[in-house]
Amino acid sequence: MLGNIKVVLVGTSHSGNIGSAARAMKVMGLSQMVLVDPQCEVDSQAVALAAGASEIALNAQVFATMEEAVKDCGLVVGTSARSRTLDWPMLEPRECGVKLVEQGESTPVAMVFGRERTGLTNEELQLCHYHVCIPANPEYSSLNLAMAVQTLSYEARMAFLEKERSQFPAEEVVEYPRHDDLERFFSHLEKVLTETDFIDPAQPGKVMNKLRRLYTRARPESQELNILRGMLTATEKSMKQKK
């Protein structure tokens, strides 16, 4: 199950951070590293700081965009400080570990870490189902990238070990849509709402950002998403017949 957890590093600028993150992952039993638009190479410094976990960094998948990196994931959690401008479902680290383990049994999942200085953009954060904030000392909350990876990887491992120790029967696994299925739904929704004049084609983001947040918070299951897509298709068909 831990092999289904992706650690996605976006726009990393220091190779040593990639190596240190790989070491943090291996200590906790994680092995899938993904690099999005890296600003450096996996070089000798990365290998040195990986300290025996260099195979994770050297075998990391590389993508140009975050959307490509998480398109097969059923759950995407982005690391973020609590924001007043982007109100999104938030998790504590412990909750994050539990959700990753629960859904990681049936589908790939991802925890996403942003750039060293600026973190994830609002657009990237909107691609996540949840945001997670590490409750560090507010007077000195300077966590580097590897520390953040270590903290959340630890919580995932603890949740995994707790699940293994549990004597209770496994709960029924709920199937959630993959990330690219959700993106196709949002594109379909925007198209229909534009055609019905519900949203202004010149400023679709105002409404679509709120609808993204609504559906992300609701977390529709795969069957529920199919129903929503069917409703949109039926609406399009009805509009064509009336024309």
Protein backbone atom coordinates (compact mmCIF):
# COMPACT_ATOMS: atom_id res chain seq x y z
CA MET A 1 0.00 0.00 0.00
CA LEU A 2 2.80 2.44 0.84
CA GLY A 3 4.02 1.95 -2.72
CA ASN A 4 0.85 3.69 -3.90
CA ILE A 5 1.76 6.94 -2.14
CA LYS A 6 3.47 9.45 -4.41
CA VAL A 7 5.61 12.23 -3.00
CA VAL A 8 5.36 15.02 -5.57
CA LEU A 9 7.94 17.82 -5.45
CA VAL A 10 7.02 20.86 -7.54
CA GLY A 11 9.63 23.25 -8.92
CA THR A 12 12.43 22.12 -6.59
CA SER A 13 15.44 24.40 -7.05
CA HIS A 14 18.12 22.70 -4.90
CA SER A 15 19.28 19.20 -5.77
CA GLY A 16 20.24 18.54 -2.17
CA ASN A 17 16.59 18.88 -1.20
CA ILE A 18 15.66 16.12 -3.63
CA GLY A 19 18.25 13.83 -2.06
CA SER A 20 17.21 14.71 1.49
CA ALA A 21 13.55 14.15 0.63
CA ALA A 22 14.43 10.74 -0.83
CA ARG A 23 16.16 9.81 2.42
CA ALA A 24 13.14 10.96 4.44
CA MET A 25 10.85 8.85 2.25
CA LYS A 26 12.89 5.67 2.44
CA VAL A 27 13.12 5.83 6.22
CA MET A 28 9.31 5.71 6.30
CA GLY A 29 8.90 3.06 3.60
CA LEU A 30 7.83 5.31 0.73
CA SER A 31 9.45 4.87 -2.65
CA GLN A 32 7.54 6.83 -5.34
CA MET A 33 9.10 10.23 -5.92
CA VAL A 34 7.73 12.50 -8.64
CA LEU A 35 9.40 15.73 -9.79
CA VAL A 36 7.35 18.46 -11.47
CA ASP A 37 9.25 21.03 -13.51
CA PRO A 38 12.45 20.63 -11.43
CA GLN A 39 14.83 23.58 -11.57
CA CYS A 40 17.86 21.36 -10.96
CA GLU A 41 19.29 17.94 -11.83
CA VAL A 42 19.53 14.87 -9.63
CA ASP A 43 23.30 15.33 -9.30
CA SER A 44 26.11 14.16 -7.04
CA GLN A 45 24.91 16.42 -4.21
CA ALA A 46 21.45 14.85 -4.36
CA VAL A 47 22.98 11.37 -4.27
CA ALA A 48 25.23 12.29 -1.35
CA LEU A 49 22.40 13.72 0.75
CA ALA A 50 20.15 10.77 -0.08
CA ALA A 51 22.55 8.72 2.09
CA GLY A 52 21.63 5.27 0.80
CA ALA A 53 18.28 6.23 -0.72
CA SER A 54 19.67 7.53 -4.01
CA GLU A 55 17.68 5.00 -6.06
CA ILE A 56 14.48 6.86 -5.11
CA ALA A 57 15.81 10.17 -6.45
CA LEU A 58 17.46 8.62 -9.51
CA ASN A 59 14.29 6.74 -10.46
CA ALA A 60 11.97 9.70 -9.88
CA GLN A 61 9.39 10.33 -12.58
CA VAL A 62 9.55 13.81 -14.12
CA PHE A 63 6.57 15.77 -15.46
CA ALA A 64 6.18 19.25 -16.87
CA THR A 65 3.03 20.06 -14.89
CA MET A 66 1.43 19.02 -11.63
CA GLU A 67 -1.75 18.09 -13.48
CA GLU A 68 0.15 15.46 -15.47
CA ALA A 69 1.85 14.15 -12.33
CA VAL A 70 -1.37 13.44 -10.42
CA LYS A 71 -3.80 12.56 -13.22
CA ASP A 72 -4.01 8.89 -12.13
CA CYS A 73 -4.47 9.69 -8.42
CA GLY A 74 -7.71 9.21 -6.52
CA LEU A 75 -6.59 11.53 -3.71
CA VAL A 76 -4.30 14.56 -3.90
CA VAL A 77 -3.23 16.46 -0.77
CA GLY A 78 -1.25 19.68 -1.14
CA THR A 79 0.95 21.18 1.56
CA SER A 80 0.01 24.75 2.36
CA ALA A 81 -0.03 27.34 5.10
CA ARG A 82 -3.57 28.21 6.13
CA SER A 83 -4.79 30.80 3.64
CA ARG A 84 -7.39 33.52 4.04
CA THR A 85 -7.71 33.97 0.28
CA LEU A 86 -8.22 30.30 -0.75
CA ASP A 87 -10.74 28.62 1.52
CA TRP A 88 -10.21 24.88 0.93
CA PRO A 89 -10.81 21.70 2.97
CA MET A 90 -7.91 21.42 5.44
CA LEU A 91 -6.39 18.36 7.12
CA GLU A 92 -4.14 17.99 10.11
CA PRO A 93 -1.04 15.82 9.38
CA ARG A 94 -2.52 12.86 11.30
CA GLU A 95 -5.75 13.02 9.31
CA CYS A 96 -3.70 13.28 6.14
CA GLY A 97 -1.84 10.05 6.92
CA VAL A 98 -5.08 8.19 7.61
CA LYS A 99 -6.73 9.33 4.38
CA LEU A 100 -3.65 8.48 2.30
CA VAL A 101 -3.52 4.98 3.77
CA GLU A 102 -7.24 4.33 3.43
CA GLN A 103 -7.44 5.34 -0.21
CA GLY A 104 -3.95 4.12 -1.07
CA GLU A 105 -5.22 0.55 -0.81
CA SER A 106 -7.24 0.92 -4.00
CA THR A 107 -5.67 3.72 -6.05
CA PRO A 108 -2.53 5.85 -6.35
CA VAL A 109 -2.54 8.87 -4.01
CA ALA A 110 -0.27 11.90 -3.78
CA MET A 111 1.03 14.39 -1.26
CA VAL A 112 2.37 17.45 -3.03
CA PHE A 113 5.11 19.79 -1.83
CA GLY A 114 5.74 23.19 -3.39
CA ARG A 115 8.75 25.32 -4.18
CA GLU A 116 11.23 26.04 -1.41
CA ARG A 117 10.54 29.77 -1.29
CA THR A 118 7.00 30.22 -2.60
CA GLY A 119 5.23 26.88 -2.16
CA LEU A 120 2.38 25.88 -4.47
CA THR A 121 0.48 28.40 -6.58
CA ASN A 122 -3.26 28.90 -6.06
CA GLU A 123 -3.86 27.13 -9.38
CA GLU A 124 -1.85 24.12 -8.20
CA LEU A 125 -3.58 24.11 -4.82
CA GLN A 126 -6.94 23.99 -6.60
CA LEU A 127 -5.91 20.67 -8.16
CA CYS A 128 -5.86 19.13 -4.66
CA HIS A 129 -8.74 17.51 -2.82
CA TYR A 130 -7.39 18.70 0.52
CA HIS A 131 -4.67 20.96 1.89
CA VAL A 132 -2.54 19.95 4.87
CA CYS A 133 -0.82 22.35 7.22
CA ILE A 134 1.92 21.25 9.63
CA PRO A 135 1.20 23.06 12.93
CA ALA A 136 4.73 24.28 13.59
CA ASN A 137 5.75 26.84 16.20
CA PRO A 138 4.13 30.09 14.96
CA GLU A 139 7.12 32.04 16.25
CA TYR A 140 9.50 29.93 14.16
CA SER A 141 7.76 27.88 11.50
CA SER A 142 10.76 27.50 9.20
CA LEU A 143 10.39 23.93 7.92
CA ASN A 144 12.62 23.00 5.02
CA LEU A 145 11.38 20.70 2.25
CA ALA A 146 12.90 17.48 3.61
CA MET A 147 11.49 18.18 7.09
CA ALA A 148 8.00 18.57 5.64
CA VAL A 149 8.36 15.37 3.62
CA GLN A 150 9.64 13.56 6.73
CA THR A 151 6.73 14.77 8.89
CA LEU A 152 3.97 13.74 6.51
CA SER A 153 5.69 10.50 5.51
CA TYR A 154 5.88 9.63 9.20
CA GLU A 155 2.16 10.22 9.64
CA ALA A 156 1.43 7.98 6.64
CA ARG A 157 3.60 5.24 8.09
CA MET A 158 1.97 5.50 11.51
CA ALA A 159 -1.48 5.24 9.94
CA PHE A 160 -0.32 2.21 7.94
CA LEU A 161 1.08 0.45 11.02
CA GLU A 162 -2.08 1.21 12.99
CA LYS A 163 -4.21 -0.27 10.23
CA GLU A 164 -2.05 -3.40 10.20
CA ARG A 165 -2.41 -3.78 13.98
CA SER A 166 -6.16 -3.31 13.89
CA GLN A 167 -8.23 -6.43 14.52
CA PHE A 168 -11.34 -4.95 12.95
CA PRO A 169 -12.45 -6.14 9.51
CA ALA A 170 -11.54 -3.85 6.64
CA GLU A 171 -14.18 -1.31 5.72
CA GLU A 172 -15.74 -1.42 2.29
CA VAL A 173 -13.43 0.35 -0.15
CA VAL A 174 -15.12 3.32 -1.83
CA GLU A 175 -14.09 3.96 -5.42
CA TYR A 176 -13.32 7.60 -6.11
CA PRO A 177 -12.64 9.09 -9.56
CA ARG A 178 -9.09 9.67 -10.70
CA HIS A 179 -7.83 13.21 -10.98
CA ASP A 180 -8.10 13.34 -14.77
CA ASP A 181 -11.75 12.15 -14.55
CA LEU A 182 -12.49 15.09 -12.25
CA GLU A 183 -10.77 17.52 -14.60
CA ARG A 184 -12.87 16.23 -17.52
CA PHE A 185 -15.99 16.75 -15.39
CA PHE A 186 -14.99 20.34 -14.57
CA SER A 187 -14.33 21.06 -18.26
CA HIS A 188 -17.71 19.54 -19.18
CA LEU A 189 -19.45 21.53 -16.42
CA GLU A 190 -17.89 24.81 -17.54
CA LYS A 191 -18.90 24.12 -21.16
CA VAL A 192 -22.55 23.46 -20.26
CA LEU A 193 -22.80 26.41 -17.86
CA THR A 194 -21.36 28.68 -20.54
CA GLU A 195 -23.80 27.40 -23.17
CA THR A 196 -26.73 28.00 -20.79
CA ASP A 197 -25.48 31.54 -20.03
CA PHE A 198 -25.10 30.66 -16.36
CA ILE A 199 -21.52 31.92 -16.37
CA ASP A 200 -19.89 34.76 -18.24
CA PRO A 201 -17.47 33.30 -20.83
CA ALA A 202 -15.26 36.35 -20.32
CA GLN A 203 -14.85 35.59 -16.60
CA PRO A 204 -15.52 31.87 -16.06
CA GLY A 205 -13.08 31.61 -13.16
CA LYS A 206 -15.27 33.50 -10.70
CA VAL A 207 -17.97 30.81 -10.62
CA MET A 208 -15.84 27.82 -11.58
CA ASN A 209 -13.42 28.32 -8.68
CA LYS A 210 -16.34 28.21 -6.25
CA LEU A 211 -17.83 25.15 -7.97
CA ARG A 212 -14.44 23.42 -7.87
CA ARG A 213 -14.31 24.03 -4.14
CA LEU A 214 -17.88 22.75 -3.72
CA TYR A 215 -17.33 19.47 -5.58
CA THR A 216 -13.87 18.98 -4.09
CA ARG A 217 -15.33 19.32 -0.61
CA ALA A 218 -18.18 16.92 -1.46
CA ARG A 219 -15.75 14.31 -2.88
CA PRO A 220 -18.21 12.55 -5.25
CA GLU A 221 -17.62 8.83 -5.70
CA SER A 222 -17.03 7.42 -9.19
CA GLN A 223 -20.68 6.40 -9.65
CA GLU A 224 -21.86 9.79 -8.43
CA LEU A 225 -19.53 11.55 -10.86
CA ASN A 226 -20.95 9.40 -13.69
CA ILE A 227 -24.45 10.58 -12.71
CA LEU A 228 -23.31 14.21 -12.80
CA ARG A 229 -21.72 13.71 -16.22
CA GLY A 230 -24.95 12.07 -17.40
CA MET A 231 -26.97 15.06 -16.21
CA LEU A 232 -24.71 17.41 -18.16
CA THR A 233 -24.97 15.27 -21.29
CA ALA A 234 -28.78 15.16 -20.97
CA THR A 235 -28.84 18.95 -20.63
CA GLU A 236 -26.77 19.33 -23.82
CA LYS A 237 -29.05 16.93 -25.68
CA SER A 238 -32.17 18.81 -24.58
CA MET A 239 -30.67 22.14 -25.66
CA LYS A 240 -29.88 20.78 -29.13
CA GLN A 241 -33.41 19.42 -29.56
CA LYS A 242 -34.95 22.79 -28.63
CA LYS A 243 -32.78 24.51 -31.22
